[in-house]
Amino acid sequence: MIDKIDISGMTDIGKTRSQNQDALLIIRSNEQILPGWCESVVAVFDGASGIPNGDIASSKAAEYFADIISRDSTNVSFVEEIGPILEKAILETNRRLLEDGEMAGGSYVTTIATVVFNNIQPEIIHCGALGDSLIYSVNSG
């Protein structure tokens, strides 16, 4: 099923801001090392409105999230085990951003919205979010 899904994306500055504070992350297992249970990861990070350094926050979050997911060594046998891994990756990304912001004398704040495609039961897609970003499912129907 995964090989029938075309993954692409783009971000947009929107109508309010003078700077795009979004970061897009697309990782495919045939292009980058992912855990054995993971086929692809798609995530969007959007710097929080009105808070300085949103572009830095979203960029760092994308980097951290990719690192955390790609280094996961959990032995996954059941698709139900993926949710806690995704939650842990989101929370760890957030923790790292908080620490970076404090070290920089400010704060780094971003939303996270992610979709993970797995190799165990490909018909099940895992979604996770932190903040007010949304995930939509669109199909040919």
N, C-alpha and C. Protein backbone atom coordinates (compact mmCIF):
# COMPACT_ATOMS: atom_id res chain seq x y z
N MET A 1 0.81 -1.20 0.00
CA MET A 1 0.00 0.00 0.00
C MET A 1 0.86 1.26 0.00
N ILE A 2 1.95 1.27 0.75
CA ILE A 2 2.79 2.45 0.85
C ILE A 2 3.32 2.88 -0.51
N ASP A 3 3.69 1.92 -1.35
CA ASP A 3 4.25 2.29 -2.64
C ASP A 3 3.23 2.94 -3.56
N LYS A 4 1.95 2.93 -3.19
CA LYS A 4 0.90 3.57 -3.98
C LYS A 4 0.60 4.98 -3.48
N ILE A 5 1.29 5.42 -2.46
CA ILE A 5 1.06 6.75 -1.90
C ILE A 5 2.16 7.68 -2.38
N ASP A 6 1.75 8.78 -2.97
CA ASP A 6 2.69 9.81 -3.41
C ASP A 6 2.78 10.86 -2.30
N ILE A 7 3.96 11.04 -1.77
CA ILE A 7 4.16 11.99 -0.68
C ILE A 7 4.89 13.21 -1.21
N SER A 8 4.28 14.35 -1.04
CA SER A 8 4.93 15.62 -1.40
C SER A 8 4.36 16.69 -0.48
N GLY A 9 4.96 17.83 -0.48
CA GLY A 9 4.45 18.88 0.37
C GLY A 9 5.10 20.21 0.09
N MET A 10 4.49 21.24 0.62
CA MET A 10 5.02 22.59 0.54
C MET A 10 4.43 23.39 1.69
N THR A 11 5.09 24.46 2.02
CA THR A 11 4.57 25.35 3.04
C THR A 11 4.28 26.70 2.39
N ASP A 12 3.52 27.52 3.08
CA ASP A 12 3.15 28.81 2.54
C ASP A 12 3.24 29.85 3.64
N ILE A 13 3.66 31.02 3.30
CA ILE A 13 3.83 32.10 4.27
C ILE A 13 2.50 32.56 4.86
N GLY A 14 1.42 32.36 4.14
CA GLY A 14 0.11 32.81 4.61
C GLY A 14 -0.10 34.29 4.33
N LYS A 15 -1.17 34.84 4.86
CA LYS A 15 -1.54 36.22 4.55
C LYS A 15 -1.16 37.21 5.64
N THR A 16 -0.72 36.72 6.80
CA THR A 16 -0.49 37.60 7.94
C THR A 16 0.98 37.92 8.18
N ARG A 17 1.85 36.95 8.02
CA ARG A 17 3.25 37.09 8.40
C ARG A 17 4.12 37.61 7.25
N SER A 18 5.23 38.20 7.61
CA SER A 18 6.20 38.64 6.60
C SER A 18 7.28 37.59 6.39
N GLN A 19 7.24 36.52 7.19
CA GLN A 19 8.26 35.48 7.12
C GLN A 19 7.58 34.12 7.27
N ASN A 20 8.00 33.16 6.44
CA ASN A 20 7.47 31.80 6.57
C ASN A 20 8.16 31.12 7.76
N GLN A 21 7.38 30.71 8.74
CA GLN A 21 7.93 30.08 9.93
C GLN A 21 7.68 28.57 9.94
N ASP A 22 7.41 28.01 8.77
CA ASP A 22 7.11 26.59 8.65
C ASP A 22 8.37 25.80 8.27
N ALA A 23 8.39 24.55 8.70
CA ALA A 23 9.40 23.60 8.24
C ALA A 23 8.67 22.32 7.86
N LEU A 24 9.03 21.75 6.75
CA LEU A 24 8.43 20.51 6.26
C LEU A 24 9.46 19.40 6.32
N LEU A 25 9.05 18.25 6.81
CA LEU A 25 9.94 17.10 6.92
C LEU A 25 9.28 15.91 6.21
N ILE A 26 9.97 15.33 5.27
CA ILE A 26 9.52 14.11 4.61
C ILE A 26 10.70 13.14 4.62
N ILE A 27 10.50 12.00 5.27
CA ILE A 27 11.54 10.98 5.32
C ILE A 27 10.96 9.69 4.75
N ARG A 28 11.64 9.12 3.78
CA ARG A 28 11.24 7.84 3.20
C ARG A 28 12.33 6.81 3.54
N SER A 29 11.91 5.59 3.88
CA SER A 29 12.88 4.58 4.29
C SER A 29 13.85 4.20 3.18
N ASN A 30 13.47 4.40 1.93
CA ASN A 30 14.39 4.08 0.85
C ASN A 30 15.40 5.20 0.59
N GLU A 31 15.26 6.33 1.31
CA GLU A 31 16.17 7.46 1.14
C GLU A 31 16.99 7.76 2.39
N GLN A 32 16.49 7.36 3.54
CA GLN A 32 17.14 7.65 4.81
C GLN A 32 16.86 6.51 5.78
N ILE A 33 17.76 6.28 6.70
CA ILE A 33 17.58 5.19 7.65
C ILE A 33 16.45 5.50 8.61
N LEU A 34 15.50 4.57 8.69
CA LEU A 34 14.39 4.63 9.63
C LEU A 34 14.32 3.30 10.36
N PRO A 35 13.65 3.26 11.50
CA PRO A 35 13.49 1.97 12.19
C PRO A 35 12.78 0.97 11.28
N GLY A 36 12.99 -0.31 11.54
CA GLY A 36 12.40 -1.36 10.71
C GLY A 36 10.89 -1.30 10.59
N TRP A 37 10.22 -0.77 11.58
CA TRP A 37 8.75 -0.70 11.56
C TRP A 37 8.23 0.49 10.77
N CYS A 38 9.11 1.42 10.41
CA CYS A 38 8.70 2.71 9.85
C CYS A 38 9.00 2.79 8.36
N GLU A 39 7.99 3.08 7.57
CA GLU A 39 8.15 3.23 6.13
C GLU A 39 8.44 4.69 5.74
N SER A 40 7.63 5.61 6.25
CA SER A 40 7.78 7.03 5.91
C SER A 40 7.25 7.89 7.04
N VAL A 41 7.80 9.09 7.12
CA VAL A 41 7.37 10.08 8.10
C VAL A 41 7.16 11.40 7.37
N VAL A 42 6.04 12.04 7.64
CA VAL A 42 5.76 13.36 7.11
C VAL A 42 5.39 14.24 8.29
N ALA A 43 6.00 15.41 8.38
CA ALA A 43 5.68 16.31 9.50
C ALA A 43 5.79 17.76 9.06
N VAL A 44 4.94 18.58 9.66
CA VAL A 44 4.98 20.03 9.46
C VAL A 44 5.15 20.67 10.82
N PHE A 45 6.04 21.63 10.88
CA PHE A 45 6.32 22.38 12.10
C PHE A 45 6.04 23.84 11.78
N ASP A 46 5.26 24.50 12.60
CA ASP A 46 4.84 25.87 12.34
C ASP A 46 5.14 26.73 13.56
N GLY A 47 6.08 27.66 13.41
CA GLY A 47 6.44 28.56 14.50
C GLY A 47 5.21 29.23 15.07
N ALA A 48 5.11 29.31 16.39
CA ALA A 48 3.92 29.85 17.05
C ALA A 48 3.74 31.33 16.74
N SER A 49 2.52 31.70 16.45
CA SER A 49 2.18 33.07 16.05
C SER A 49 2.61 34.10 17.08
N GLY A 50 3.27 35.11 16.60
CA GLY A 50 3.61 36.24 17.44
C GLY A 50 4.80 36.03 18.36
N ILE A 51 5.35 34.85 18.41
CA ILE A 51 6.51 34.59 19.27
C ILE A 51 7.76 34.63 18.41
N PRO A 52 8.75 35.43 18.80
CA PRO A 52 9.97 35.54 17.98
C PRO A 52 10.65 34.18 17.78
N ASN A 53 11.40 34.08 16.72
CA ASN A 53 12.22 32.91 16.40
C ASN A 53 11.41 31.68 15.99
N GLY A 54 10.20 31.89 15.50
CA GLY A 54 9.39 30.76 15.05
C GLY A 54 10.04 29.98 13.93
N ASP A 55 10.77 30.68 13.05
CA ASP A 55 11.45 30.00 11.96
C ASP A 55 12.58 29.12 12.50
N ILE A 56 13.28 29.59 13.52
CA ILE A 56 14.34 28.80 14.14
C ILE A 56 13.73 27.61 14.87
N ALA A 57 12.64 27.85 15.59
CA ALA A 57 11.98 26.78 16.34
C ALA A 57 11.51 25.66 15.42
N SER A 58 10.86 26.02 14.34
CA SER A 58 10.34 24.98 13.44
C SER A 58 11.47 24.22 12.76
N SER A 59 12.51 24.91 12.38
CA SER A 59 13.66 24.26 11.74
C SER A 59 14.35 23.29 12.71
N LYS A 60 14.59 23.76 13.93
CA LYS A 60 15.21 22.90 14.94
C LYS A 60 14.31 21.70 15.26
N ALA A 61 13.01 21.93 15.38
CA ALA A 61 12.09 20.85 15.69
C ALA A 61 12.11 19.77 14.61
N ALA A 62 12.16 20.19 13.35
CA ALA A 62 12.23 19.22 12.25
C ALA A 62 13.51 18.39 12.35
N GLU A 63 14.61 19.05 12.65
CA GLU A 63 15.89 18.36 12.81
C GLU A 63 15.84 17.37 13.97
N TYR A 64 15.34 17.82 15.11
CA TYR A 64 15.27 16.96 16.30
C TYR A 64 14.33 15.78 16.08
N PHE A 65 13.17 16.05 15.52
CA PHE A 65 12.19 14.99 15.31
C PHE A 65 12.75 13.92 14.37
N ALA A 66 13.38 14.34 13.30
CA ALA A 66 13.99 13.38 12.36
C ALA A 66 15.04 12.54 13.07
N ASP A 67 15.86 13.17 13.88
CA ASP A 67 16.89 12.45 14.62
C ASP A 67 16.29 11.44 15.58
N ILE A 68 15.29 11.86 16.32
CA ILE A 68 14.67 10.98 17.32
C ILE A 68 13.99 9.78 16.66
N ILE A 69 13.23 10.02 15.62
CA ILE A 69 12.55 8.92 14.93
C ILE A 69 13.56 7.97 14.29
N SER A 70 14.56 8.52 13.62
CA SER A 70 15.50 7.65 12.90
C SER A 70 16.36 6.82 13.85
N ARG A 71 16.57 7.28 15.07
CA ARG A 71 17.38 6.53 16.03
C ARG A 71 16.56 5.60 16.91
N ASP A 72 15.25 5.57 16.75
CA ASP A 72 14.43 4.71 17.60
C ASP A 72 14.80 3.25 17.39
N SER A 73 15.00 2.55 18.48
CA SER A 73 15.41 1.14 18.40
C SER A 73 14.38 0.20 19.02
N THR A 74 13.17 0.70 19.22
CA THR A 74 12.13 -0.13 19.80
C THR A 74 11.80 -1.30 18.88
N ASN A 75 11.74 -2.48 19.44
CA ASN A 75 11.36 -3.67 18.68
C ASN A 75 9.83 -3.71 18.61
N VAL A 76 9.28 -3.30 17.49
CA VAL A 76 7.84 -3.20 17.33
C VAL A 76 7.30 -4.46 16.66
N SER A 77 6.38 -5.14 17.35
CA SER A 77 5.73 -6.33 16.80
C SER A 77 4.27 -6.08 16.46
N PHE A 78 3.67 -5.13 17.16
CA PHE A 78 2.25 -4.83 16.97
C PHE A 78 2.08 -3.36 16.65
N VAL A 79 1.19 -3.04 15.76
CA VAL A 79 0.98 -1.67 15.33
C VAL A 79 0.60 -0.76 16.51
N GLU A 80 0.00 -1.32 17.55
CA GLU A 80 -0.39 -0.54 18.73
C GLU A 80 0.82 0.03 19.48
N GLU A 81 1.99 -0.51 19.25
CA GLU A 81 3.20 -0.04 19.93
C GLU A 81 3.77 1.23 19.30
N ILE A 82 3.27 1.62 18.15
CA ILE A 82 3.82 2.78 17.45
C ILE A 82 3.34 4.09 18.08
N GLY A 83 2.11 4.15 18.54
CA GLY A 83 1.58 5.37 19.16
C GLY A 83 2.46 5.92 20.27
N PRO A 84 2.85 5.09 21.24
CA PRO A 84 3.73 5.59 22.30
C PRO A 84 5.09 6.07 21.79
N ILE A 85 5.61 5.46 20.74
CA ILE A 85 6.89 5.90 20.16
C ILE A 85 6.72 7.29 19.56
N LEU A 86 5.63 7.49 18.85
CA LEU A 86 5.35 8.78 18.24
C LEU A 86 5.16 9.86 19.31
N GLU A 87 4.42 9.53 20.35
CA GLU A 87 4.21 10.47 21.45
C GLU A 87 5.55 10.84 22.09
N LYS A 88 6.38 9.85 22.32
CA LYS A 88 7.69 10.10 22.92
C LYS A 88 8.55 11.00 22.03
N ALA A 89 8.51 10.79 20.72
CA ALA A 89 9.29 11.61 19.79
C ALA A 89 8.82 13.06 19.81
N ILE A 90 7.52 13.27 19.86
CA ILE A 90 6.97 14.62 19.91
C ILE A 90 7.37 15.31 21.22
N LEU A 91 7.22 14.61 22.33
CA LEU A 91 7.56 15.20 23.63
C LEU A 91 9.06 15.47 23.77
N GLU A 92 9.88 14.56 23.24
CA GLU A 92 11.33 14.76 23.30
C GLU A 92 11.75 15.94 22.42
N THR A 93 11.13 16.09 21.27
CA THR A 93 11.39 17.24 20.41
C THR A 93 11.06 18.52 21.15
N ASN A 94 9.91 18.55 21.80
CA ASN A 94 9.48 19.71 22.56
C ASN A 94 10.45 20.02 23.70
N ARG A 95 10.91 18.99 24.40
CA ARG A 95 11.86 19.17 25.50
C ARG A 95 13.15 19.80 25.01
N ARG A 96 13.66 19.31 23.89
CA ARG A 96 14.90 19.86 23.34
C ARG A 96 14.73 21.33 22.94
N LEU A 97 13.57 21.66 22.36
CA LEU A 97 13.32 23.05 21.99
C LEU A 97 13.28 23.95 23.22
N LEU A 98 12.63 23.49 24.28
CA LEU A 98 12.57 24.28 25.50
C LEU A 98 13.97 24.54 26.05
N GLU A 99 14.80 23.52 26.06
CA GLU A 99 16.18 23.68 26.53
C GLU A 99 16.96 24.65 25.65
N ASP A 100 16.82 24.52 24.34
CA ASP A 100 17.53 25.41 23.41
C ASP A 100 17.09 26.86 23.61
N GLY A 101 15.79 27.05 23.76
CA GLY A 101 15.27 28.39 23.96
C GLY A 101 15.80 29.02 25.23
N GLU A 102 15.83 28.25 26.29
CA GLU A 102 16.37 28.76 27.56
C GLU A 102 17.84 29.11 27.43
N MET A 103 18.60 28.27 26.75
CA MET A 103 20.03 28.54 26.55
C MET A 103 20.25 29.79 25.70
N ALA A 104 19.32 30.07 24.79
CA ALA A 104 19.44 31.24 23.92
C ALA A 104 18.87 32.49 24.58
N GLY A 105 18.33 32.34 25.79
CA GLY A 105 17.78 33.48 26.50
C GLY A 105 16.39 33.89 26.04
N GLY A 106 15.68 32.97 25.44
CA GLY A 106 14.32 33.27 24.96
C GLY A 106 13.50 32.00 24.96
N SER A 107 12.72 31.84 23.91
CA SER A 107 11.95 30.61 23.79
C SER A 107 11.81 30.23 22.32
N TYR A 108 11.76 28.94 22.07
CA TYR A 108 11.49 28.40 20.74
C TYR A 108 10.17 27.65 20.84
N VAL A 109 9.18 28.13 20.10
CA VAL A 109 7.85 27.53 20.18
C VAL A 109 7.36 27.21 18.77
N THR A 110 6.89 25.99 18.58
CA THR A 110 6.37 25.57 17.28
C THR A 110 5.28 24.52 17.48
N THR A 111 4.41 24.41 16.51
CA THR A 111 3.46 23.30 16.50
C THR A 111 4.11 22.14 15.76
N ILE A 112 3.56 20.96 15.97
CA ILE A 112 4.01 19.76 15.27
C ILE A 112 2.77 19.01 14.81
N ALA A 113 2.75 18.63 13.56
CA ALA A 113 1.71 17.74 13.04
C ALA A 113 2.42 16.70 12.19
N THR A 114 2.23 15.42 12.53
CA THR A 114 2.98 14.38 11.83
C THR A 114 2.11 13.18 11.48
N VAL A 115 2.49 12.53 10.41
CA VAL A 115 1.86 11.28 9.97
C VAL A 115 2.98 10.28 9.76
N VAL A 116 2.79 9.07 10.32
CA VAL A 116 3.79 8.02 10.20
C VAL A 116 3.15 6.81 9.52
N PHE A 117 3.79 6.34 8.46
CA PHE A 117 3.36 5.15 7.75
C PHE A 117 4.23 3.99 8.23
N ASN A 118 3.60 2.87 8.55
CA ASN A 118 4.35 1.75 9.13
C ASN A 118 4.44 0.57 8.19
N ASN A 119 5.33 -0.36 8.50
CA ASN A 119 5.53 -1.58 7.70
C ASN A 119 4.81 -2.79 8.27
N ILE A 120 4.17 -2.65 9.42
CA ILE A 120 3.53 -3.80 10.07
C ILE A 120 2.11 -3.99 9.55
N GLN A 121 1.33 -2.93 9.60
CA GLN A 121 -0.01 -2.92 9.03
C GLN A 121 -0.14 -1.62 8.24
N PRO A 122 0.28 -1.62 6.97
CA PRO A 122 0.33 -0.39 6.18
C PRO A 122 -1.00 0.34 6.04
N GLU A 123 -2.09 -0.36 6.23
CA GLU A 123 -3.40 0.30 6.10
C GLU A 123 -3.71 1.20 7.29
N ILE A 124 -2.92 1.10 8.36
CA ILE A 124 -3.09 1.95 9.53
C ILE A 124 -2.04 3.06 9.49
N ILE A 125 -2.52 4.29 9.58
CA ILE A 125 -1.64 5.46 9.55
C ILE A 125 -1.69 6.11 10.93
N HIS A 126 -0.54 6.43 11.46
CA HIS A 126 -0.46 7.06 12.79
C HIS A 126 -0.29 8.56 12.64
N CYS A 127 -1.06 9.31 13.40
CA CYS A 127 -0.98 10.77 13.38
C CYS A 127 -0.70 11.27 14.79
N GLY A 128 0.03 12.36 14.86
CA GLY A 128 0.30 12.99 16.14
C GLY A 128 0.43 14.49 15.95
N ALA A 129 0.03 15.23 16.96
CA ALA A 129 0.12 16.69 16.86
C ALA A 129 0.34 17.30 18.22
N LEU A 130 0.99 18.45 18.21
CA LEU A 130 1.19 19.27 19.39
C LEU A 130 0.93 20.70 18.94
N GLY A 131 -0.03 21.36 19.55
CA GLY A 131 -0.39 22.70 19.14
C GLY A 131 -1.64 22.68 18.29
N ASP A 132 -1.84 23.72 17.51
CA ASP A 132 -3.09 23.87 16.78
C ASP A 132 -3.01 23.52 15.29
N SER A 133 -1.96 22.86 14.85
CA SER A 133 -1.88 22.41 13.47
C SER A 133 -2.78 21.19 13.28
N LEU A 134 -3.34 21.07 12.09
CA LEU A 134 -4.30 20.02 11.79
C LEU A 134 -3.76 19.06 10.73
N ILE A 135 -4.33 17.85 10.73
CA ILE A 135 -3.99 16.83 9.74
C ILE A 135 -5.29 16.44 9.05
N TYR A 136 -5.28 16.45 7.72
CA TYR A 136 -6.45 16.08 6.94
C TYR A 136 -6.14 14.85 6.11
N SER A 137 -7.12 14.02 5.91
CA SER A 137 -7.00 12.87 5.02
C SER A 137 -7.79 13.16 3.75
N VAL A 138 -7.13 13.09 2.61
CA VAL A 138 -7.77 13.36 1.33
C VAL A 138 -7.55 12.15 0.45
N ASN A 139 -8.61 11.68 -0.18
CA ASN A 139 -8.47 10.56 -1.10
C ASN A 139 -9.22 10.84 -2.38
N SER A 140 -9.14 9.94 -3.33
CA SER A 140 -9.74 10.17 -4.64
C SER A 140 -11.27 10.20 -4.59
N GLY A 141 -11.86 9.67 -3.51
CA GLY A 141 -13.32 9.67 -3.38
C GLY A 141 -13.84 10.99 -2.89
